[in-house]
């Protein structure tokens, strides 16, 4: 799986009022440590996590990966 576009995640999240990993955790139902890793680029969201993150920030899960892959 290609790396995800963390800048897109942060931009979309901020538009939705999500500015910290703990806010991402609350909006997605993910654990705090999982949200922190995704927010800080320590691991890419996959499967259900990617869907939950994408829904919370208002983008498609595939766009997290397609934009990063296109930029490479």
PDB file of N, CA and C in Angstrom:
ATOM      1  N   UNK A   1       0.848  -1.177   0.000  1.00  0.00           N
ATOM      2  CA  UNK A   1       0.000   0.000   0.000  1.00  0.00           C
ATOM      3  C   UNK A   1       0.896   1.244   0.000  1.00  0.00           C
ATOM      4  N   UNK A   2       0.621   2.188  -0.873  1.00  0.00           N
ATOM      5  CA  UNK A   2       1.441   3.402  -0.916  1.00  0.00           C
ATOM      6  C   UNK A   2       1.237   4.221   0.354  1.00  0.00           C
ATOM      7  N   UNK A   3       2.147   5.129   0.638  1.00  0.00           N
ATOM      8  CA  UNK A   3       1.970   5.976   1.820  1.00  0.00           C
ATOM      9  C   UNK A   3       0.743   6.869   1.651  1.00  0.00           C
ATOM     10  N   UNK A   4       0.193   7.270   2.768  1.00  0.00           N
ATOM     11  CA  UNK A   4      -0.986   8.129   2.666  1.00  0.00           C
ATOM     12  C   UNK A   4      -0.580   9.589   2.761  1.00  0.00           C
ATOM     13  N   UNK A   5      -1.485  10.442   2.352  1.00  0.00           N
ATOM     14  CA  UNK A   5      -1.244  11.880   2.299  1.00  0.00           C
ATOM     15  C   UNK A   5      -1.662  12.509   3.621  1.00  0.00           C
ATOM     16  N   UNK A   6      -0.705  12.608   4.534  1.00  0.00           N
ATOM     17  CA  UNK A   6      -0.989  13.145   5.865  1.00  0.00           C
ATOM     18  C   UNK A   6      -1.378  14.620   5.799  1.00  0.00           C
ATOM     19  N   UNK A   7      -0.824  15.362   4.860  1.00  0.00           N
ATOM     20  CA  UNK A   7      -1.184  16.775   4.715  1.00  0.00           C
ATOM     21  C   UNK A   7      -2.663  16.914   4.348  1.00  0.00           C
ATOM     22  N   UNK A   8      -3.145  16.055   3.468  1.00  0.00           N
ATOM     23  CA  UNK A   8      -4.561  16.068   3.106  1.00  0.00           C
ATOM     24  C   UNK A   8      -5.410  15.728   4.322  1.00  0.00           C
ATOM     25  N   UNK A   9      -4.996  14.746   5.093  1.00  0.00           N
ATOM     26  CA  UNK A   9      -5.722  14.381   6.306  1.00  0.00           C
ATOM     27  C   UNK A   9      -5.818  15.578   7.246  1.00  0.00           C
ATOM     28  N   UNK A  10      -4.712  16.250   7.505  1.00  0.00           N
ATOM     29  CA  UNK A  10      -4.706  17.393   8.419  1.00  0.00           C
ATOM     30  C   UNK A  10      -5.567  18.541   7.891  1.00  0.00           C
ATOM     31  N   UNK A  11      -5.480  18.823   6.604  1.00  0.00           N
ATOM     32  CA  UNK A  11      -6.268  19.905   6.016  1.00  0.00           C
ATOM     33  C   UNK A  11      -7.758  19.613   6.118  1.00  0.00           C
ATOM     34  N   UNK A  12      -8.146  18.409   5.717  1.00  0.00           N
ATOM     35  CA  UNK A  12      -9.563  18.036   5.765  1.00  0.00           C
ATOM     36  C   UNK A  12     -10.062  18.003   7.211  1.00  0.00           C
ATOM     37  N   UNK A  13      -9.231  17.515   8.112  1.00  0.00           N
ATOM     38  CA  UNK A  13      -9.621  17.443   9.519  1.00  0.00           C
ATOM     39  C   UNK A  13      -9.843  18.837  10.092  1.00  0.00           C
ATOM     40  N   UNK A  14      -8.960  19.755   9.781  1.00  0.00           N
ATOM     41  CA  UNK A  14      -9.095  21.117  10.314  1.00  0.00           C
ATOM     42  C   UNK A  14     -10.368  21.797   9.817  1.00  0.00           C
ATOM     43  N   UNK A  15     -10.749  21.509   8.579  1.00  0.00           N
ATOM     44  CA  UNK A  15     -11.999  22.055   8.048  1.00  0.00           C
ATOM     45  C   UNK A  15     -13.187  21.569   8.879  1.00  0.00           C
ATOM     46  N   UNK A  16     -13.076  20.350   9.386  1.00  0.00           N
ATOM     47  CA  UNK A  16     -14.140  19.766  10.217  1.00  0.00           C
ATOM     48  C   UNK A  16     -13.958  20.074  11.707  1.00  0.00           C
ATOM     49  N   UNK A  17     -12.967  20.898  12.046  1.00  0.00           N
ATOM     50  CA  UNK A  17     -12.755  21.270  13.432  1.00  0.00           C
ATOM     51  C   UNK A  17     -11.918  20.279  14.229  1.00  0.00           C
ATOM     52  N   UNK A  18     -11.279  19.351  13.538  1.00  0.00           N
ATOM     53  CA  UNK A  18     -10.440  18.354  14.198  1.00  0.00           C
ATOM     54  C   UNK A  18      -9.001  18.839  14.091  1.00  0.00           C
ATOM     55  N   UNK A  19      -8.412  19.184  15.235  1.00  0.00           N
ATOM     56  CA  UNK A  19      -7.079  19.780  15.210  1.00  0.00           C
ATOM     57  C   UNK A  19      -6.039  18.992  15.984  1.00  0.00           C
ATOM     58  N   UNK A  20      -6.443  17.937  16.648  1.00  0.00           N
ATOM     59  CA  UNK A  20      -5.506  17.150  17.450  1.00  0.00           C
ATOM     60  C   UNK A  20      -5.807  15.658  17.296  1.00  0.00           C
ATOM     61  N   UNK A  21      -4.838  14.823  17.617  1.00  0.00           N
ATOM     62  CA  UNK A  21      -5.093  13.379  17.570  1.00  0.00           C
ATOM     63  C   UNK A  21      -6.227  12.950  18.503  1.00  0.00           C
ATOM     64  N   UNK A  22      -6.340  13.581  19.665  1.00  0.00           N
ATOM     65  CA  UNK A  22      -7.407  13.181  20.585  1.00  0.00           C
ATOM     66  C   UNK A  22      -8.787  13.535  20.013  1.00  0.00           C
ATOM     67  N   UNK A  23      -8.874  14.647  19.288  1.00  0.00           N
ATOM     68  CA  UNK A  23     -10.138  14.980  18.632  1.00  0.00           C
ATOM     69  C   UNK A  23     -10.435  13.978  17.522  1.00  0.00           C
ATOM     70  N   UNK A  24      -9.406  13.562  16.801  1.00  0.00           N
ATOM     71  CA  UNK A  24      -9.593  12.540  15.765  1.00  0.00           C
ATOM     72  C   UNK A  24     -10.099  11.246  16.401  1.00  0.00           C
ATOM     73  N   UNK A  25      -9.529  10.875  17.531  1.00  0.00           N
ATOM     74  CA  UNK A  25      -9.970   9.659  18.228  1.00  0.00           C
ATOM     75  C   UNK A  25     -11.449   9.756  18.596  1.00  0.00           C
ATOM     76  N   UNK A  26     -11.862  10.895  19.137  1.00  0.00           N
ATOM     77  CA  UNK A  26     -13.270  11.067  19.527  1.00  0.00           C
ATOM     78  C   UNK A  26     -14.211  11.005  18.320  1.00  0.00           C
ATOM     79  N   UNK A  27     -13.814  11.621  17.215  1.00  0.00           N
ATOM     80  CA  UNK A  27     -14.688  11.650  16.035  1.00  0.00           C
ATOM     81  C   UNK A  27     -14.749  10.312  15.304  1.00  0.00           C
ATOM     82  N   UNK A  28     -13.728   9.494  15.449  1.00  0.00           N
ATOM     83  CA  UNK A  28     -13.678   8.228  14.720  1.00  0.00           C
ATOM     84  C   UNK A  28     -13.996   7.012  15.572  1.00  0.00           C
ATOM     85  N   UNK A  29     -13.886   7.166  16.884  1.00  0.00           N
ATOM     86  CA  UNK A  29     -14.066   6.014  17.755  1.00  0.00           C
ATOM     87  C   UNK A  29     -12.820   5.148  17.856  1.00  0.00           C
ATOM     88  N   UNK A  30     -11.713   5.634  17.306  1.00  0.00           N
ATOM     89  CA  UNK A  30     -10.445   4.912  17.407  1.00  0.00           C
ATOM     90  C   UNK A  30      -9.832   5.158  18.778  1.00  0.00           C
ATOM     91  N   UNK A  31      -8.939   4.272  19.170  1.00  0.00           N
ATOM     92  CA  UNK A  31      -8.241   4.497  20.435  1.00  0.00           C
ATOM     93  C   UNK A  31      -7.326   5.705  20.299  1.00  0.00           C
ATOM     94  N   UNK A  32      -6.999   6.311  21.414  1.00  0.00           N
ATOM     95  CA  UNK A  32      -6.092   7.455  21.408  1.00  0.00           C
ATOM     96  C   UNK A  32      -4.758   7.141  20.755  1.00  0.00           C
ATOM     97  N   UNK A  33      -4.111   6.024  21.145  1.00  0.00           N
ATOM     98  CA  UNK A  33      -2.820   5.701  20.529  1.00  0.00           C
ATOM     99  C   UNK A  33      -2.910   5.455  19.017  1.00  0.00           C
ATOM    100  N   UNK A  34      -3.991   4.832  18.569  1.00  0.00           N
ATOM    101  CA  UNK A  34      -4.151   4.589  17.131  1.00  0.00           C
ATOM    102  C   UNK A  34      -4.332   5.909  16.385  1.00  0.00           C
ATOM    103  N   UNK A  35      -5.167   6.779  16.910  1.00  0.00           N
ATOM    104  CA  UNK A  35      -5.376   8.087  16.279  1.00  0.00           C
ATOM    105  C   UNK A  35      -4.079   8.886  16.268  1.00  0.00           C
ATOM    106  N   UNK A  36      -3.311   8.827  17.344  1.00  0.00           N
ATOM    107  CA  UNK A  36      -2.037   9.544  17.422  1.00  0.00           C
ATOM    108  C   UNK A  36      -1.078   9.053  16.343  1.00  0.00           C
ATOM    109  N   UNK A  37      -0.990   7.733  16.167  1.00  0.00           N
ATOM    110  CA  UNK A  37      -0.089   7.174  15.147  1.00  0.00           C
ATOM    111  C   UNK A  37      -0.514   7.615  13.751  1.00  0.00           C
ATOM    112  N   UNK A  38      -1.799   7.560  13.461  1.00  0.00           N
ATOM    113  CA  UNK A  38      -2.292   7.981  12.141  1.00  0.00           C
ATOM    114  C   UNK A  38      -2.027   9.468  11.936  1.00  0.00           C
ATOM    115  N   UNK A  39      -2.342  10.290  12.917  1.00  0.00           N
ATOM    116  CA  UNK A  39      -2.168  11.737  12.823  1.00  0.00           C
ATOM    117  C   UNK A  39      -0.706  12.112  12.590  1.00  0.00           C
ATOM    118  N   UNK A  40       0.199  11.402  13.252  1.00  0.00           N
ATOM    119  CA  UNK A  40       1.625  11.726  13.182  1.00  0.00           C
ATOM    120  C   UNK A  40       2.390  10.931  12.138  1.00  0.00           C
ATOM    121  N   UNK A  41       1.708  10.133  11.343  1.00  0.00           N
ATOM    122  CA  UNK A  41       2.349   9.423  10.245  1.00  0.00           C
ATOM    123  C   UNK A  41       3.164   8.216  10.661  1.00  0.00           C
ATOM    124  N   UNK A  42       2.881   7.668  11.839  1.00  0.00           N
ATOM    125  CA  UNK A  42       3.606   6.492  12.311  1.00  0.00           C
ATOM    126  C   UNK A  42       3.017   5.228  11.704  1.00  0.00           C
ATOM    127  N   UNK A  43       1.846   5.297  11.220  1.00  0.00           N
ATOM    128  CA  UNK A  43       1.213   4.167  10.551  1.00  0.00           C
ATOM    129  C   UNK A  43       0.064   4.679   9.710  1.00  0.00           C
ATOM    130  N   UNK A  44      -0.142   4.081   8.580  1.00  0.00           N
ATOM    131  CA  UNK A  44      -1.228   4.497   7.692  1.00  0.00           C
ATOM    132  C   UNK A  44      -2.527   3.825   8.116  1.00  0.00           C
ATOM    133  N   UNK A  45      -3.634   4.553   8.034  1.00  0.00           N
ATOM    134  CA  UNK A  45      -4.918   3.921   8.341  1.00  0.00           C
ATOM    135  C   UNK A  45      -5.255   2.896   7.280  1.00  0.00           C
ATOM    136  N   UNK A  46      -5.706   1.738   7.707  1.00  0.00           N
ATOM    137  CA  UNK A  46      -6.069   0.670   6.776  1.00  0.00           C
ATOM    138  C   UNK A  46      -7.462   0.159   7.082  1.00  0.00           C
ATOM    139  N   UNK A  47      -8.101  -0.366   6.067  1.00  0.00           N
ATOM    140  CA  UNK A  47      -9.395  -1.016   6.241  1.00  0.00           C
ATOM    141  C   UNK A  47     -10.414  -0.136   6.933  1.00  0.00           C
ATOM    142  N   UNK A  48     -10.991  -0.679   8.003  1.00  0.00           N
ATOM    143  CA  UNK A  48     -12.035   0.022   8.744  1.00  0.00           C
ATOM    144  C   UNK A  48     -11.517   1.328   9.327  1.00  0.00           C
ATOM    145  N   UNK A  49     -10.277   1.355   9.772  1.00  0.00           N
ATOM    146  CA  UNK A  49      -9.711   2.597  10.317  1.00  0.00           C
ATOM    147  C   UNK A  49      -9.682   3.684   9.253  1.00  0.00           C
ATOM    148  N   UNK A  50      -9.271   3.336   8.041  1.00  0.00           N
ATOM    149  CA  UNK A  50      -9.233   4.320   6.953  1.00  0.00           C
ATOM    150  C   UNK A  50     -10.629   4.842   6.657  1.00  0.00           C
ATOM    151  N   UNK A  51     -11.612   3.956   6.656  1.00  0.00           N
ATOM    152  CA  UNK A  51     -12.986   4.373   6.402  1.00  0.00           C
ATOM    153  C   UNK A  51     -13.478   5.325   7.487  1.00  0.00           C
ATOM    154  N   UNK A  52     -13.179   5.021   8.737  1.00  0.00           N
ATOM    155  CA  UNK A  52     -13.626   5.854   9.850  1.00  0.00           C
ATOM    156  C   UNK A  52     -12.939   7.225   9.828  1.00  0.00           C
ATOM    157  N   UNK A  53     -11.644   7.238   9.534  1.00  0.00           N
ATOM    158  CA  UNK A  53     -10.915   8.503   9.449  1.00  0.00           C
ATOM    159  C   UNK A  53     -11.475   9.346   8.302  1.00  0.00           C
ATOM    160  N   UNK A  54     -11.640   8.716   7.142  1.00  0.00           N
ATOM    161  CA  UNK A  54     -12.144   9.435   5.969  1.00  0.00           C
ATOM    162  C   UNK A  54     -13.541  10.000   6.224  1.00  0.00           C
ATOM    163  N   UNK A  55     -14.408   9.210   6.835  1.00  0.00           N
ATOM    164  CA  UNK A  55     -15.759   9.695   7.143  1.00  0.00           C
ATOM    165  C   UNK A  55     -15.710  10.885   8.095  1.00  0.00           C
ATOM    166  N   UNK A  56     -14.847  10.812   9.086  1.00  0.00           N
ATOM    167  CA  UNK A  56     -14.760  11.882  10.090  1.00  0.00           C
ATOM    168  C   UNK A  56     -14.270  13.193   9.495  1.00  0.00           C
ATOM    169  N   UNK A  57     -13.368  13.109   8.512  1.00  0.00           N
ATOM    170  CA  UNK A  57     -12.801  14.340   7.947  1.00  0.00           C
ATOM    171  C   UNK A  57     -13.439  14.733   6.621  1.00  0.00           C
ATOM    172  N   UNK A  58     -14.359  13.921   6.123  1.00  0.00           N
ATOM    173  CA  UNK A  58     -15.134  14.298   4.945  1.00  0.00           C
ATOM    174  C   UNK A  58     -14.462  14.077   3.609  1.00  0.00           C
ATOM    175  N   UNK A  59     -13.621  13.053   3.517  1.00  0.00           N
ATOM    176  CA  UNK A  59     -12.993  12.698   2.240  1.00  0.00           C
ATOM    177  C   UNK A  59     -13.164  11.206   2.025  1.00  0.00           C
ATOM    178  N   UNK A  60     -12.833  10.729   0.842  1.00  0.00           N
ATOM    179  CA  UNK A  60     -12.891   9.290   0.604  1.00  0.00           C
ATOM    180  C   UNK A  60     -11.602   8.642   1.102  1.00  0.00           C
ATOM    181  N   UNK A  61     -11.719   7.413   1.560  1.00  0.00           N
ATOM    182  CA  UNK A  61     -10.545   6.694   2.062  1.00  0.00           C
ATOM    183  C   UNK A  61      -9.495   6.548   0.967  1.00  0.00           C
ATOM    184  N   UNK A  62      -9.934   6.306  -0.260  1.00  0.00           N
ATOM    185  CA  UNK A  62      -8.968   6.113  -1.350  1.00  0.00           C
ATOM    186  C   UNK A  62      -8.210   7.395  -1.666  1.00  0.00           C
ATOM    187  N   UNK A  63      -8.812   8.559  -1.418  1.00  0.00           N
ATOM    188  CA  UNK A  63      -8.102   9.803  -1.727  1.00  0.00           C
ATOM    189  C   UNK A  63      -6.898  10.014  -0.815  1.00  0.00           C
ATOM    190  N   UNK A  64      -6.922   9.425   0.363  1.00  0.00           N
ATOM    191  CA  UNK A  64      -5.754   9.508   1.248  1.00  0.00           C
ATOM    192  C   UNK A  64      -4.524   8.903   0.581  1.00  0.00           C
ATOM    193  N   UNK A  65      -4.734   7.876  -0.217  1.00  0.00           N
ATOM    194  CA  UNK A  65      -3.626   7.168  -0.846  1.00  0.00           C
ATOM    195  C   UNK A  65      -3.356   7.632  -2.260  1.00  0.00           C
ATOM    196  N   UNK A  66      -4.376   7.957  -3.009  1.00  0.00           N
ATOM    197  CA  UNK A  66      -4.193   8.332  -4.417  1.00  0.00           C
ATOM    198  C   UNK A  66      -3.406   9.638  -4.572  1.00  0.00           C
ATOM    199  N   UNK A  67      -3.692  10.633  -3.749  1.00  0.00           N
ATOM    200  CA  UNK A  67      -2.982  11.906  -3.878  1.00  0.00           C
ATOM    201  C   UNK A  67      -1.510  11.731  -3.521  1.00  0.00           C
ATOM    202  N   UNK A  68      -1.212  10.964  -2.489  1.00  0.00           N
ATOM    203  CA  UNK A  68       0.180  10.748  -2.098  1.00  0.00           C
ATOM    204  C   UNK A  68       0.912   9.975  -3.186  1.00  0.00           C
ATOM    205  N   UNK A  69       0.234   8.981  -3.754  1.00  0.00           N
ATOM    206  CA  UNK A  69       0.851   8.183  -4.802  1.00  0.00           C
ATOM    207  C   UNK A  69       1.078   8.985  -6.067  1.00  0.00           C
ATOM    208  N   UNK A  70       0.180   9.900  -6.378  1.00  0.00           N
ATOM    209  CA  UNK A  70       0.315  10.717  -7.576  1.00  0.00           C
ATOM    210  C   UNK A  70       1.441  11.734  -7.430  1.00  0.00           C
ATOM    211  N   UNK A  71       1.686  12.157  -6.195  1.00  0.00           N
ATOM    212  CA  UNK A  71       2.730  13.157  -5.967  1.00  0.00           C
ATOM    213  C   UNK A  71       4.120  12.558  -6.009  1.00  0.00           C
ATOM    214  N   UNK A  72       4.217  11.262  -5.844  1.00  0.00           N
ATOM    215  CA  UNK A  72       5.522  10.608  -5.816  1.00  0.00           C
ATOM    216  C   UNK A  72       6.102  10.443  -7.190  1.00  0.00           C
TER     217      UNK A  72
END
